[in-house]
Amino acid sequence: MNQVIADFDSVAACELFCGSCRKFLSGRCPGCEKNEKASWCKIRQCCISRGYHTCAKCKRDVRECKTYSNFISKVFAFIFNSDRPSCISYIREHGEIAYAEEMSRRGCQTIKRNRK
């Protein structure tokens, strides 16, 4: 398995950090941006069509965006226990490289939701 590398290409359109993904690290997945098989992902399609690397570049509030908050993305958020809007806020405040470095440091793919 490869080493986790914090770089721009390791951040998916939806803000998951591919750099900590087992499939990505083992070379079985090229990551969100280069994965042509991920044409099913509406978030990825939207970002590509607008020329964005991630949703963090969009001016819309992701909680109000039907593309970002679609059924599949909600399932992914549940599976990964992800606080996806916090990921976007982090990127907007600190940048994608800082986010990749933070996720690499934590060894995870996302900022986790706080459980109550």
PDB file of N, CA and C in Angstrom:
ATOM      1  N   MET A   1       0.842  -1.184   0.000  1.00  0.00           N
ATOM      2  CA  MET A   1       0.000   0.000   0.000  1.00  0.00           C
ATOM      3  C   MET A   1       0.883   1.242   0.000  1.00  0.00           C
ATOM      4  N   ASN A   2       0.480   2.245  -0.755  1.00  0.00           N
ATOM      5  CA  ASN A   2       1.234   3.490  -0.867  1.00  0.00           C
ATOM      6  C   ASN A   2       1.048   4.359   0.368  1.00  0.00           C
ATOM      7  N   GLN A   3       1.925   5.325   0.511  1.00  0.00           N
ATOM      8  CA  GLN A   3       1.869   6.276   1.611  1.00  0.00           C
ATOM      9  C   GLN A   3       0.814   7.343   1.332  1.00  0.00           C
ATOM     10  N   VAL A   4       0.144   7.815   2.379  1.00  0.00           N
ATOM     11  CA  VAL A   4      -0.837   8.890   2.246  1.00  0.00           C
ATOM     12  C   VAL A   4      -0.096  10.177   1.875  1.00  0.00           C
ATOM     13  N   ILE A   5      -0.522  10.788   0.783  1.00  0.00           N
ATOM     14  CA  ILE A   5       0.086  12.037   0.325  1.00  0.00           C
ATOM     15  C   ILE A   5      -0.998  13.114   0.292  1.00  0.00           C
ATOM     16  N   ALA A   6      -0.702  14.220   0.917  1.00  0.00           N
ATOM     17  CA  ALA A   6      -1.650  15.333   0.959  1.00  0.00           C
ATOM     18  C   ALA A   6      -1.411  16.232  -0.237  1.00  0.00           C
ATOM     19  N   ASP A   7      -2.219  16.068  -1.281  1.00  0.00           N
ATOM     20  CA  ASP A   7      -2.089  16.942  -2.435  1.00  0.00           C
ATOM     21  C   ASP A   7      -3.465  17.315  -2.979  1.00  0.00           C
ATOM     22  N   PHE A   8      -3.459  18.275  -3.868  1.00  0.00           N
ATOM     23  CA  PHE A   8      -4.659  18.838  -4.473  1.00  0.00           C
ATOM     24  C   PHE A   8      -5.538  17.767  -5.118  1.00  0.00           C
ATOM     25  N   ASP A   9      -4.931  16.838  -5.848  1.00  0.00           N
ATOM     26  CA  ASP A   9      -5.672  15.807  -6.568  1.00  0.00           C
ATOM     27  C   ASP A   9      -6.295  14.756  -5.659  1.00  0.00           C
ATOM     28  N   SER A  10      -5.935  14.760  -4.388  1.00  0.00           N
ATOM     29  CA  SER A  10      -6.476  13.779  -3.448  1.00  0.00           C
ATOM     30  C   SER A  10      -7.788  14.227  -2.821  1.00  0.00           C
ATOM     31  N   VAL A  11      -8.248  15.429  -3.149  1.00  0.00           N
ATOM     32  CA  VAL A  11      -9.509  15.934  -2.609  1.00  0.00           C
ATOM     33  C   VAL A  11     -10.592  15.752  -3.664  1.00  0.00           C
ATOM     34  N   ALA A  12     -11.632  14.993  -3.309  1.00  0.00           N
ATOM     35  CA  ALA A  12     -12.742  14.721  -4.226  1.00  0.00           C
ATOM     36  C   ALA A  12     -13.645  15.946  -4.355  1.00  0.00           C
ATOM     37  N   ALA A  13     -14.447  15.972  -5.391  1.00  0.00           N
ATOM     38  CA  ALA A  13     -15.378  17.085  -5.623  1.00  0.00           C
ATOM     39  C   ALA A  13     -16.281  17.318  -4.417  1.00  0.00           C
ATOM     40  N   CYS A  14     -16.681  16.239  -3.748  1.00  0.00           N
ATOM     41  CA  CYS A  14     -17.592  16.336  -2.596  1.00  0.00           C
ATOM     42  C   CYS A  14     -16.847  16.550  -1.285  1.00  0.00           C
ATOM     43  N   GLU A  15     -15.529  16.684  -1.355  1.00  0.00           N
ATOM     44  CA  GLU A  15     -14.652  16.934  -0.214  1.00  0.00           C
ATOM     45  C   GLU A  15     -14.200  15.687   0.537  1.00  0.00           C
ATOM     46  N   LEU A  16     -14.555  14.496   0.076  1.00  0.00           N
ATOM     47  CA  LEU A  16     -13.917  13.322   0.676  1.00  0.00           C
ATOM     48  C   LEU A  16     -12.441  13.376   0.312  1.00  0.00           C
ATOM     49  N   PHE A  17     -11.578  12.924   1.212  1.00  0.00           N
ATOM     50  CA  PHE A  17     -10.143  12.927   0.960  1.00  0.00           C
ATOM     51  C   PHE A  17      -9.735  11.554   0.444  1.00  0.00           C
ATOM     52  N   CYS A  18      -9.561  11.464  -0.880  1.00  0.00           N
ATOM     53  CA  CYS A  18      -9.183  10.204  -1.524  1.00  0.00           C
ATOM     54  C   CYS A  18      -7.854   9.681  -0.998  1.00  0.00           C
ATOM     55  N   GLY A  19      -6.987  10.573  -0.561  1.00  0.00           N
ATOM     56  CA  GLY A  19      -5.654  10.195  -0.118  1.00  0.00           C
ATOM     57  C   GLY A  19      -5.614   9.221   1.033  1.00  0.00           C
ATOM     58  N   SER A  20      -6.705   9.070   1.774  1.00  0.00           N
ATOM     59  CA  SER A  20      -6.763   8.110   2.877  1.00  0.00           C
ATOM     60  C   SER A  20      -7.597   6.885   2.534  1.00  0.00           C
ATOM     61  N   CYS A  21      -8.043   6.784   1.303  1.00  0.00           N
ATOM     62  CA  CYS A  21      -8.901   5.674   0.870  1.00  0.00           C
ATOM     63  C   CYS A  21      -8.046   4.448   0.520  1.00  0.00           C
ATOM     64  N   ARG A  22      -8.450   3.287   1.005  1.00  0.00           N
ATOM     65  CA  ARG A  22      -7.690   2.057   0.727  1.00  0.00           C
ATOM     66  C   ARG A  22      -7.586   1.765  -0.764  1.00  0.00           C
ATOM     67  N   LYS A  23      -8.679   1.973  -1.503  1.00  0.00           N
ATOM     68  CA  LYS A  23      -8.643   1.712  -2.949  1.00  0.00           C
ATOM     69  C   LYS A  23      -7.665   2.657  -3.652  1.00  0.00           C
ATOM     70  N   PHE A  24      -7.690   3.911  -3.265  1.00  0.00           N
ATOM     71  CA  PHE A  24      -6.783   4.894  -3.843  1.00  0.00           C
ATOM     72  C   PHE A  24      -5.336   4.541  -3.508  1.00  0.00           C
ATOM     73  N   LEU A  25      -5.081   4.225  -2.241  1.00  0.00           N
ATOM     74  CA  LEU A  25      -3.724   3.912  -1.797  1.00  0.00           C
ATOM     75  C   LEU A  25      -3.177   2.631  -2.422  1.00  0.00           C
ATOM     76  N   SER A  26      -4.068   1.686  -2.738  1.00  0.00           N
ATOM     77  CA  SER A  26      -3.610   0.434  -3.339  1.00  0.00           C
ATOM     78  C   SER A  26      -3.506   0.517  -4.862  1.00  0.00           C
ATOM     79  N   GLY A  27      -3.898   1.674  -5.422  1.00  0.00           N
ATOM     80  CA  GLY A  27      -3.810   1.854  -6.866  1.00  0.00           C
ATOM     81  C   GLY A  27      -5.011   1.315  -7.632  1.00  0.00           C
ATOM     82  N   ARG A  28      -6.067   0.894  -6.918  1.00  0.00           N
ATOM     83  CA  ARG A  28      -7.254   0.363  -7.592  1.00  0.00           C
ATOM     84  C   ARG A  28      -8.239   1.459  -7.983  1.00  0.00           C
ATOM     85  N   CYS A  29      -7.996   2.686  -7.558  1.00  0.00           N
ATOM     86  CA  CYS A  29      -8.853   3.815  -7.920  1.00  0.00           C
ATOM     87  C   CYS A  29      -7.953   5.031  -8.153  1.00  0.00           C
ATOM     88  N   PRO A  30      -8.190   5.778  -9.233  1.00  0.00           N
ATOM     89  CA  PRO A  30      -7.355   6.949  -9.511  1.00  0.00           C
ATOM     90  C   PRO A  30      -7.771   8.195  -8.732  1.00  0.00           C
ATOM     91  N   GLY A  31      -8.828   8.105  -7.949  1.00  0.00           N
ATOM     92  CA  GLY A  31      -9.348   9.276  -7.245  1.00  0.00           C
ATOM     93  C   GLY A  31     -10.498   9.885  -8.017  1.00  0.00           C
ATOM     94  N   CYS A  32     -11.230  10.724  -7.372  1.00  0.00           N
ATOM     95  CA  CYS A  32     -12.455  11.306  -7.933  1.00  0.00           C
ATOM     96  C   CYS A  32     -12.242  11.977  -9.287  1.00  0.00           C
ATOM     97  N   GLU A  33     -11.325  12.889  -9.340  1.00  0.00           N
ATOM     98  CA  GLU A  33     -11.173  13.712 -10.534  1.00  0.00           C
ATOM     99  C   GLU A  33     -10.802  12.895 -11.776  1.00  0.00           C
ATOM    100  N   LYS A  34      -9.978  11.881 -11.604  1.00  0.00           N
ATOM    101  CA  LYS A  34      -9.495  11.101 -12.742  1.00  0.00           C
ATOM    102  C   LYS A  34     -10.304   9.822 -12.977  1.00  0.00           C
ATOM    103  N   ASN A  35     -11.279   9.558 -12.146  1.00  0.00           N
ATOM    104  CA  ASN A  35     -12.052   8.314 -12.244  1.00  0.00           C
ATOM    105  C   ASN A  35     -13.209   8.474 -13.226  1.00  0.00           C
ATOM    106  N   GLU A  36     -12.991   8.100 -14.465  1.00  0.00           N
ATOM    107  CA  GLU A  36     -14.022   8.215 -15.497  1.00  0.00           C
ATOM    108  C   GLU A  36     -15.235   7.326 -15.201  1.00  0.00           C
ATOM    109  N   LYS A  37     -15.054   6.280 -14.397  1.00  0.00           N
ATOM    110  CA  LYS A  37     -16.166   5.401 -14.025  1.00  0.00           C
ATOM    111  C   LYS A  37     -17.117   6.073 -13.036  1.00  0.00           C
ATOM    112  N   ALA A  38     -16.726   7.197 -12.475  1.00  0.00           N
ATOM    113  CA  ALA A  38     -17.560   7.900 -11.495  1.00  0.00           C
ATOM    114  C   ALA A  38     -18.534   8.866 -12.161  1.00  0.00           C
ATOM    115  N   SER A  39     -18.932   8.561 -13.389  1.00  0.00           N
ATOM    116  CA  SER A  39     -19.862   9.441 -14.110  1.00  0.00           C
ATOM    117  C   SER A  39     -21.229   9.476 -13.435  1.00  0.00           C
ATOM    118  N   TRP A  40     -21.515   8.527 -12.566  1.00  0.00           N
ATOM    119  CA  TRP A  40     -22.783   8.476 -11.839  1.00  0.00           C
ATOM    120  C   TRP A  40     -22.862   9.562 -10.768  1.00  0.00           C
ATOM    121  N   CYS A  41     -21.715  10.130 -10.381  1.00  0.00           N
ATOM    122  CA  CYS A  41     -21.677  11.101  -9.283  1.00  0.00           C
ATOM    123  C   CYS A  41     -22.121  12.483  -9.771  1.00  0.00           C
ATOM    124  N   LYS A  42     -23.283  12.909  -9.314  1.00  0.00           N
ATOM    125  CA  LYS A  42     -23.846  14.206  -9.717  1.00  0.00           C
ATOM    126  C   LYS A  42     -22.992  15.372  -9.213  1.00  0.00           C
ATOM    127  N   ILE A  43     -22.401  15.218  -8.036  1.00  0.00           N
ATOM    128  CA  ILE A  43     -21.562  16.282  -7.484  1.00  0.00           C
ATOM    129  C   ILE A  43     -20.333  16.477  -8.370  1.00  0.00           C
ATOM    130  N   ARG A  44     -19.698  15.393  -8.729  1.00  0.00           N
ATOM    131  CA  ARG A  44     -18.520  15.441  -9.607  1.00  0.00           C
ATOM    132  C   ARG A  44     -18.883  16.070 -10.949  1.00  0.00           C
ATOM    133  N   GLN A  45     -20.005  15.650 -11.531  1.00  0.00           N
ATOM    134  CA  GLN A  45     -20.448  16.200 -12.811  1.00  0.00           C
ATOM    135  C   GLN A  45     -20.679  17.699 -12.715  1.00  0.00           C
ATOM    136  N   CYS A  46     -21.314  18.136 -11.638  1.00  0.00           N
ATOM    137  CA  CYS A  46     -21.597  19.568 -11.448  1.00  0.00           C
ATOM    138  C   CYS A  46     -20.293  20.360 -11.348  1.00  0.00           C
ATOM    139  N   CYS A  47     -19.357  19.881 -10.540  1.00  0.00           N
ATOM    140  CA  CYS A  47     -18.072  20.582 -10.389  1.00  0.00           C
ATOM    141  C   CYS A  47     -17.335  20.669 -11.718  1.00  0.00           C
ATOM    142  N   ILE A  48     -17.278  19.577 -12.445  1.00  0.00           N
ATOM    143  CA  ILE A  48     -16.586  19.572 -13.738  1.00  0.00           C
ATOM    144  C   ILE A  48     -17.244  20.554 -14.700  1.00  0.00           C
ATOM    145  N   SER A  49     -18.583  20.546 -14.744  1.00  0.00           N
ATOM    146  CA  SER A  49     -19.289  21.426 -15.681  1.00  0.00           C
ATOM    147  C   SER A  49     -19.092  22.909 -15.356  1.00  0.00           C
ATOM    148  N   ARG A  50     -18.833  23.226 -14.101  1.00  0.00           N
ATOM    149  CA  ARG A  50     -18.634  24.618 -13.680  1.00  0.00           C
ATOM    150  C   ARG A  50     -17.161  25.009 -13.608  1.00  0.00           C
ATOM    151  N   GLY A  51     -16.275  24.040 -13.857  1.00  0.00           N
ATOM    152  CA  GLY A  51     -14.846  24.326 -13.802  1.00  0.00           C
ATOM    153  C   GLY A  51     -14.296  24.383 -12.390  1.00  0.00           C
ATOM    154  N   TYR A  52     -14.993  23.784 -11.428  1.00  0.00           N
ATOM    155  CA  TYR A  52     -14.552  23.754 -10.034  1.00  0.00           C
ATOM    156  C   TYR A  52     -13.845  22.437  -9.752  1.00  0.00           C
ATOM    157  N   HIS A  53     -12.895  22.473  -8.855  1.00  0.00           N
ATOM    158  CA  HIS A  53     -12.270  21.237  -8.381  1.00  0.00           C
ATOM    159  C   HIS A  53     -13.144  20.608  -7.299  1.00  0.00           C
ATOM    160  N   THR A  54     -13.723  21.441  -6.441  1.00  0.00           N
ATOM    161  CA  THR A  54     -14.629  20.972  -5.377  1.00  0.00           C
ATOM    162  C   THR A  54     -15.800  21.931  -5.227  1.00  0.00           C
ATOM    163  N   CYS A  55     -16.781  21.505  -4.479  1.00  0.00           N
ATOM    164  CA  CYS A  55     -17.951  22.347  -4.196  1.00  0.00           C
ATOM    165  C   CYS A  55     -17.596  23.582  -3.373  1.00  0.00           C
ATOM    166  N   ALA A  56     -16.456  23.570  -2.739  1.00  0.00           N
ATOM    167  CA  ALA A  56     -16.043  24.711  -1.922  1.00  0.00           C
ATOM    168  C   ALA A  56     -15.890  25.980  -2.756  1.00  0.00           C
ATOM    169  N   LYS A  57     -15.679  25.848  -4.054  1.00  0.00           N
ATOM    170  CA  LYS A  57     -15.535  27.013  -4.933  1.00  0.00           C
ATOM    171  C   LYS A  57     -16.885  27.662  -5.266  1.00  0.00           C
ATOM    172  N   CYS A  58     -17.958  26.910  -5.090  1.00  0.00           N
ATOM    173  CA  CYS A  58     -19.297  27.403  -5.417  1.00  0.00           C
ATOM    174  C   CYS A  58     -19.768  28.385  -4.346  1.00  0.00           C
ATOM    175  N   LYS A  59     -20.501  29.377  -4.767  1.00  0.00           N
ATOM    176  CA  LYS A  59     -21.011  30.396  -3.840  1.00  0.00           C
ATOM    177  C   LYS A  59     -22.262  29.940  -3.081  1.00  0.00           C
ATOM    178  N   ARG A  60     -22.907  28.867  -3.575  1.00  0.00           N
ATOM    179  CA  ARG A  60     -24.149  28.393  -2.953  1.00  0.00           C
ATOM    180  C   ARG A  60     -23.885  27.749  -1.597  1.00  0.00           C
ATOM    181  N   ASP A  61     -24.879  27.812  -0.726  1.00  0.00           N
ATOM    182  CA  ASP A  61     -24.837  27.095   0.553  1.00  0.00           C
ATOM    183  C   ASP A  61     -25.143  25.632   0.254  1.00  0.00           C
ATOM    184  N   VAL A  62     -24.204  24.753   0.546  1.00  0.00           N
ATOM    185  CA  VAL A  62     -24.376  23.342   0.179  1.00  0.00           C
ATOM    186  C   VAL A  62     -25.578  22.695   0.850  1.00  0.00           C
ATOM    187  N   ARG A  63     -25.979  23.216   1.994  1.00  0.00           N
ATOM    188  CA  ARG A  63     -27.158  22.652   2.666  1.00  0.00           C
ATOM    189  C   ARG A  63     -28.431  22.918   1.870  1.00  0.00           C
ATOM    190  N   GLU A  64     -28.383  23.910   0.984  1.00  0.00           N
ATOM    191  CA  GLU A  64     -29.525  24.256   0.145  1.00  0.00           C
ATOM    192  C   GLU A  64     -29.407  23.678  -1.272  1.00  0.00           C
ATOM    193  N   CYS A  65     -28.264  23.108  -1.591  1.00  0.00           N
ATOM    194  CA  CYS A  65     -28.006  22.604  -2.938  1.00  0.00           C
ATOM    195  C   CYS A  65     -28.538  21.178  -3.099  1.00  0.00           C
ATOM    196  N   LYS A  66     -29.460  21.007  -4.031  1.00  0.00           N
ATOM    197  CA  LYS A  66     -30.047  19.685  -4.263  1.00  0.00           C
ATOM    198  C   LYS A  66     -29.056  18.711  -4.894  1.00  0.00           C
ATOM    199  N   THR A  67     -28.100  19.217  -5.637  1.00  0.00           N
ATOM    200  CA  THR A  67     -27.075  18.352  -6.223  1.00  0.00           C
ATOM    201  C   THR A  67     -26.168  17.808  -5.119  1.00  0.00           C
ATOM    202  N   TYR A  68     -25.722  18.676  -4.234  1.00  0.00           N
ATOM    203  CA  TYR A  68     -24.822  18.275  -3.158  1.00  0.00           C
ATOM    204  C   TYR A  68     -25.524  17.399  -2.129  1.00  0.00           C
ATOM    205  N   SER A  69     -26.772  17.680  -1.885  1.00  0.00           N
ATOM    206  CA  SER A  69     -27.520  16.953  -0.855  1.00  0.00           C
ATOM    207  C   SER A  69     -28.440  15.902  -1.456  1.00  0.00           C
ATOM    208  N   ASN A  70     -27.993  15.250  -2.518  1.00  0.00           N
ATOM    209  CA  ASN A  70     -28.822  14.215  -3.145  1.00  0.00           C
ATOM    210  C   ASN A  70     -28.784  12.925  -2.324  1.00  0.00           C
ATOM    211  N   PHE A  71     -29.599  11.960  -2.687  1.00  0.00           N
ATOM    212  CA  PHE A  71     -29.739  10.723  -1.922  1.00  0.00           C
ATOM    213  C   PHE A  71     -28.415   9.975  -1.780  1.00  0.00           C
ATOM    214  N   ILE A  72     -27.694   9.809  -2.880  1.00  0.00           N
ATOM    215  CA  ILE A  72     -26.432   9.056  -2.836  1.00  0.00           C
ATOM    216  C   ILE A  72     -25.415   9.760  -1.933  1.00  0.00           C
ATOM    217  N   SER A  73     -25.339  11.076  -2.024  1.00  0.00           N
ATOM    218  CA  SER A  73     -24.373  11.785  -1.177  1.00  0.00           C
ATOM    219  C   SER A  73     -24.769  11.695   0.294  1.00  0.00           C
ATOM    220  N   LYS A  74     -26.051  11.656   0.578  1.00  0.00           N
ATOM    221  CA  LYS A  74     -26.490  11.478   1.966  1.00  0.00           C
ATOM    222  C   LYS A  74     -26.116  10.088   2.477  1.00  0.00           C
ATOM    223  N   VAL A  75     -26.211   9.082   1.613  1.00  0.00           N
ATOM    224  CA  VAL A  75     -25.811   7.723   1.987  1.00  0.00           C
ATOM    225  C   VAL A  75     -24.307   7.700   2.278  1.00  0.00           C
ATOM    226  N   PHE A  76     -23.502   8.329   1.406  1.00  0.00           N
ATOM    227  CA  PHE A  76     -22.060   8.394   1.631  1.00  0.00           C
ATOM    228  C   PHE A  76     -21.757   9.120   2.945  1.00  0.00           C
ATOM    229  N   ALA A  77     -22.462  10.208   3.222  1.00  0.00           N
ATOM    230  CA  ALA A  77     -22.244  10.944   4.467  1.00  0.00           C
ATOM    231  C   ALA A  77     -22.555  10.060   5.665  1.00  0.00           C
ATOM    232  N   PHE A  78     -23.605   9.253   5.564  1.00  0.00           N
ATOM    233  CA  PHE A  78     -23.959   8.338   6.648  1.00  0.00           C
ATOM    234  C   PHE A  78     -22.880   7.259   6.815  1.00  0.00           C
ATOM    235  N   ILE A  79     -22.472   6.646   5.708  1.00  0.00           N
ATOM    236  CA  ILE A  79     -21.472   5.573   5.749  1.00  0.00           C
ATOM    237  C   ILE A  79     -20.154   6.072   6.345  1.00  0.00           C
ATOM    238  N   PHE A  80     -19.724   7.254   5.928  1.00  0.00           N
ATOM    239  CA  PHE A  80     -18.445   7.792   6.381  1.00  0.00           C
ATOM    240  C   PHE A  80     -18.575   8.619   7.665  1.00  0.00           C
ATOM    241  N   ASN A  81     -19.795   8.722   8.212  1.00  0.00           N
ATOM    242  CA  ASN A  81     -20.055   9.542   9.398  1.00  0.00           C
ATOM    243  C   ASN A  81     -19.499  10.949   9.184  1.00  0.00           C
ATOM    244  N   SER A  82     -19.770  11.473   8.003  1.00  0.00           N
ATOM    245  CA  SER A  82     -19.168  12.715   7.547  1.00  0.00           C
ATOM    246  C   SER A  82     -20.024  13.946   7.829  1.00  0.00           C
ATOM    247  N   ASP A  83     -19.364  14.973   8.329  1.00  0.00           N
ATOM    248  CA  ASP A  83     -19.974  16.295   8.440  1.00  0.00           C
ATOM    249  C   ASP A  83     -19.524  17.066   7.198  1.00  0.00           C
ATOM    250  N   ARG A  84     -20.161  16.778   6.093  1.00  0.00           N
ATOM    251  CA  ARG A  84     -19.741  17.296   4.793  1.00  0.00           C
ATOM    252  C   ARG A  84     -19.731  18.823   4.727  1.00  0.00           C
ATOM    253  N   PRO A  85     -20.739  19.525   5.275  1.00  0.00           N
ATOM    254  CA  PRO A  85     -20.653  20.989   5.250  1.00  0.00           C
ATOM    255  C   PRO A  85     -19.431  21.532   6.008  1.00  0.00           C
ATOM    256  N   SER A  86     -19.005  20.835   7.060  1.00  0.00           N
ATOM    257  CA  SER A  86     -17.800  21.264   7.782  1.00  0.00           C
ATOM    258  C   SER A  86     -16.556  21.108   6.924  1.00  0.00           C
ATOM    259  N   CYS A  87     -16.536  20.082   6.090  1.00  0.00           N
ATOM    260  CA  CYS A  87     -15.413  19.891   5.171  1.00  0.00           C
ATOM    261  C   CYS A  87     -15.319  21.075   4.220  1.00  0.00           C
ATOM    262  N   ILE A  88     -16.452  21.478   3.681  1.00  0.00           N
ATOM    263  CA  ILE A  88     -16.478  22.616   2.763  1.00  0.00           C
ATOM    264  C   ILE A  88     -16.054  23.898   3.474  1.00  0.00           C
ATOM    265  N   SER A  89     -16.555  24.098   4.675  1.00  0.00           N
ATOM    266  CA  SER A  89     -16.168  25.285   5.453  1.00  0.00           C
ATOM    267  C   SER A  89     -14.670  25.310   5.697  1.00  0.00           C
ATOM    268  N   TYR A  90     -14.100  24.160   6.027  1.00  0.00           N
ATOM    269  CA  TYR A  90     -12.661  24.072   6.278  1.00  0.00           C
ATOM    270  C   TYR A  90     -11.884  24.464   5.017  1.00  0.00           C
ATOM    271  N   ILE A  91     -12.308  23.919   3.878  1.00  0.00           N
ATOM    272  CA  ILE A  91     -11.624  24.236   2.622  1.00  0.00           C
ATOM    273  C   ILE A  91     -11.775  25.706   2.276  1.00  0.00           C
ATOM    274  N   ARG A  92     -12.958  26.258   2.445  1.00  0.00           N
ATOM    275  CA  ARG A  92     -13.164  27.676   2.145  1.00  0.00           C
ATOM    276  C   ARG A  92     -12.297  28.558   3.029  1.00  0.00           C
ATOM    277  N   GLU A  93     -12.096  28.159   4.269  1.00  0.00           N
ATOM    278  CA  GLU A  93     -11.315  28.961   5.209  1.00  0.00           C
ATOM    279  C   GLU A  93      -9.805  28.760   5.055  1.00  0.00           C
ATOM    280  N   HIS A  94      -9.377  27.519   4.824  1.00  0.00           N
ATOM    281  CA  HIS A  94      -7.949  27.199   4.848  1.00  0.00           C
ATOM    282  C   HIS A  94      -7.361  26.767   3.502  1.00  0.00           C
ATOM    283  N   GLY A  95      -8.210  26.364   2.555  1.00  0.00           N
ATOM    284  CA  GLY A  95      -7.735  25.905   1.254  1.00  0.00           C
ATOM    285  C   GLY A  95      -7.685  24.384   1.158  1.00  0.00           C
ATOM    286  N   GLU A  96      -7.635  23.894  -0.079  1.00  0.00           N
ATOM    287  CA  GLU A  96      -7.667  22.455  -0.331  1.00  0.00           C
ATOM    288  C   GLU A  96      -6.408  21.738   0.146  1.00  0.00           C
ATOM    289  N   ILE A  97      -5.260  22.356  -0.019  1.00  0.00           N
ATOM    290  CA  ILE A  97      -4.011  21.714   0.417  1.00  0.00           C
ATOM    291  C   ILE A  97      -4.011  21.566   1.935  1.00  0.00           C
ATOM    292  N   ALA A  98      -4.416  22.607   2.655  1.00  0.00           N
ATOM    293  CA  ALA A  98      -4.476  22.526   4.117  1.00  0.00           C
ATOM    294  C   ALA A  98      -5.467  21.442   4.554  1.00  0.00           C
ATOM    295  N   TYR A  99      -6.588  21.330   3.839  1.00  0.00           N
ATOM    296  CA  TYR A  99      -7.569  20.282   4.140  1.00  0.00           C
ATOM    297  C   TYR A  99      -6.952  18.903   3.908  1.00  0.00           C
ATOM    298  N   ALA A 100      -6.275  18.737   2.780  1.00  0.00           N
ATOM    299  CA  ALA A 100      -5.620  17.463   2.473  1.00  0.00           C
ATOM    300  C   ALA A 100      -4.570  17.135   3.536  1.00  0.00           C
ATOM    301  N   GLU A 101      -3.811  18.118   3.957  1.00  0.00           N
ATOM    302  CA  GLU A 101      -2.811  17.899   5.006  1.00  0.00           C
ATOM    303  C   GLU A 101      -3.466  17.502   6.324  1.00  0.00           C
ATOM    304  N   GLU A 102      -4.574  18.158   6.662  1.00  0.00           N
ATOM    305  CA  GLU A 102      -5.282  17.838   7.913  1.00  0.00           C
ATOM    306  C   GLU A 102      -5.869  16.425   7.863  1.00  0.00           C
ATOM    307  N   MET A 103      -6.484  16.065   6.748  1.00  0.00           N
ATOM    308  CA  MET A 103      -7.058  14.721   6.623  1.00  0.00           C
ATOM    309  C   MET A 103      -5.951  13.667   6.618  1.00  0.00           C
ATOM    310  N   SER A 104      -4.829  13.988   5.999  1.00  0.00           N
ATOM    311  CA  SER A 104      -3.680  13.083   5.989  1.00  0.00           C
ATOM    312  C   SER A 104      -3.158  12.890   7.409  1.00  0.00           C
ATOM    313  N   ARG A 105      -3.056  13.989   8.150  1.00  0.00           N
ATOM    314  CA  ARG A 105      -2.589  13.928   9.543  1.00  0.00           C
ATOM    315  C   ARG A 105      -3.523  13.069  10.386  1.00  0.00           C
ATOM    316  N   ARG A 106      -4.829  13.244  10.174  1.00  0.00           N
ATOM    317  CA  ARG A 106      -5.832  12.479  10.924  1.00  0.00           C
ATOM    318  C   ARG A 106      -5.948  11.041  10.429  1.00  0.00           C
ATOM    319  N   GLY A 107      -5.516  10.809   9.194  1.00  0.00           N
ATOM    320  CA  GLY A 107      -5.625   9.477   8.607  1.00  0.00           C
ATOM    321  C   GLY A 107      -7.053   9.087   8.301  1.00  0.00           C
ATOM    322  N   CYS A 108      -7.844  10.076   7.875  1.00  0.00           N
ATOM    323  CA  CYS A 108      -9.243   9.789   7.562  1.00  0.00           C
ATOM    324  C   CYS A 108      -9.661  10.499   6.279  1.00  0.00           C
ATOM    325  N   GLN A 109     -10.855  10.180   5.813  1.00  0.00           N
ATOM    326  CA  GLN A 109     -11.332  10.716   4.544  1.00  0.00           C
ATOM    327  C   GLN A 109     -12.230  11.929   4.692  1.00  0.00           C
ATOM    328  N   THR A 110     -12.618  12.277   5.913  1.00  0.00           N
ATOM    329  CA  THR A 110     -13.578  13.346   6.098  1.00  0.00           C
ATOM    330  C   THR A 110     -13.540  13.854   7.534  1.00  0.00           C
ATOM    331  N   ILE A 111     -14.123  15.018   7.736  1.00  0.00           N
ATOM    332  CA  ILE A 111     -14.353  15.508   9.093  1.00  0.00           C
ATOM    333  C   ILE A 111     -15.585  14.778   9.615  1.00  0.00           C
ATOM    334  N   LYS A 112     -15.430  14.149  10.732  1.00  0.00           N
ATOM    335  CA  LYS A 112     -16.506  13.326  11.288  1.00  0.00           C
ATOM    336  C   LYS A 112     -17.577  14.186  11.961  1.00  0.00           C
ATOM    337  N   ARG A 113     -18.820  13.691  11.895  1.00  0.00           N
ATOM    338  CA  ARG A 113     -19.924  14.337  12.608  1.00  0.00           C
ATOM    339  C   ARG A 113     -19.749  14.112  14.095  1.00  0.00           C
ATOM    340  N   ASN A 114     -20.144  15.082  14.864  1.00  0.00           N
ATOM    341  CA  ASN A 114     -20.161  14.914  16.313  1.00  0.00           C
ATOM    342  C   ASN A 114     -21.395  14.125  16.682  1.00  0.00           C
ATOM    343  N   ARG A 115     -21.199  13.078  17.407  1.00  0.00           N
ATOM    344  CA  ARG A 115     -22.352  12.272  17.845  1.00  0.00           C
ATOM    345  C   ARG A 115     -22.840  12.802  19.166  1.00  0.00           C
ATOM    346  N   LYS A 116     -24.142  12.853  19.268  1.00  0.00           N
ATOM    347  CA  LYS A 116     -24.746  13.395  20.493  1.00  0.00           C
ATOM    348  C   LYS A 116     -25.331  12.318  21.346  1.00  0.00           C
TER     349      LYS A 116
END
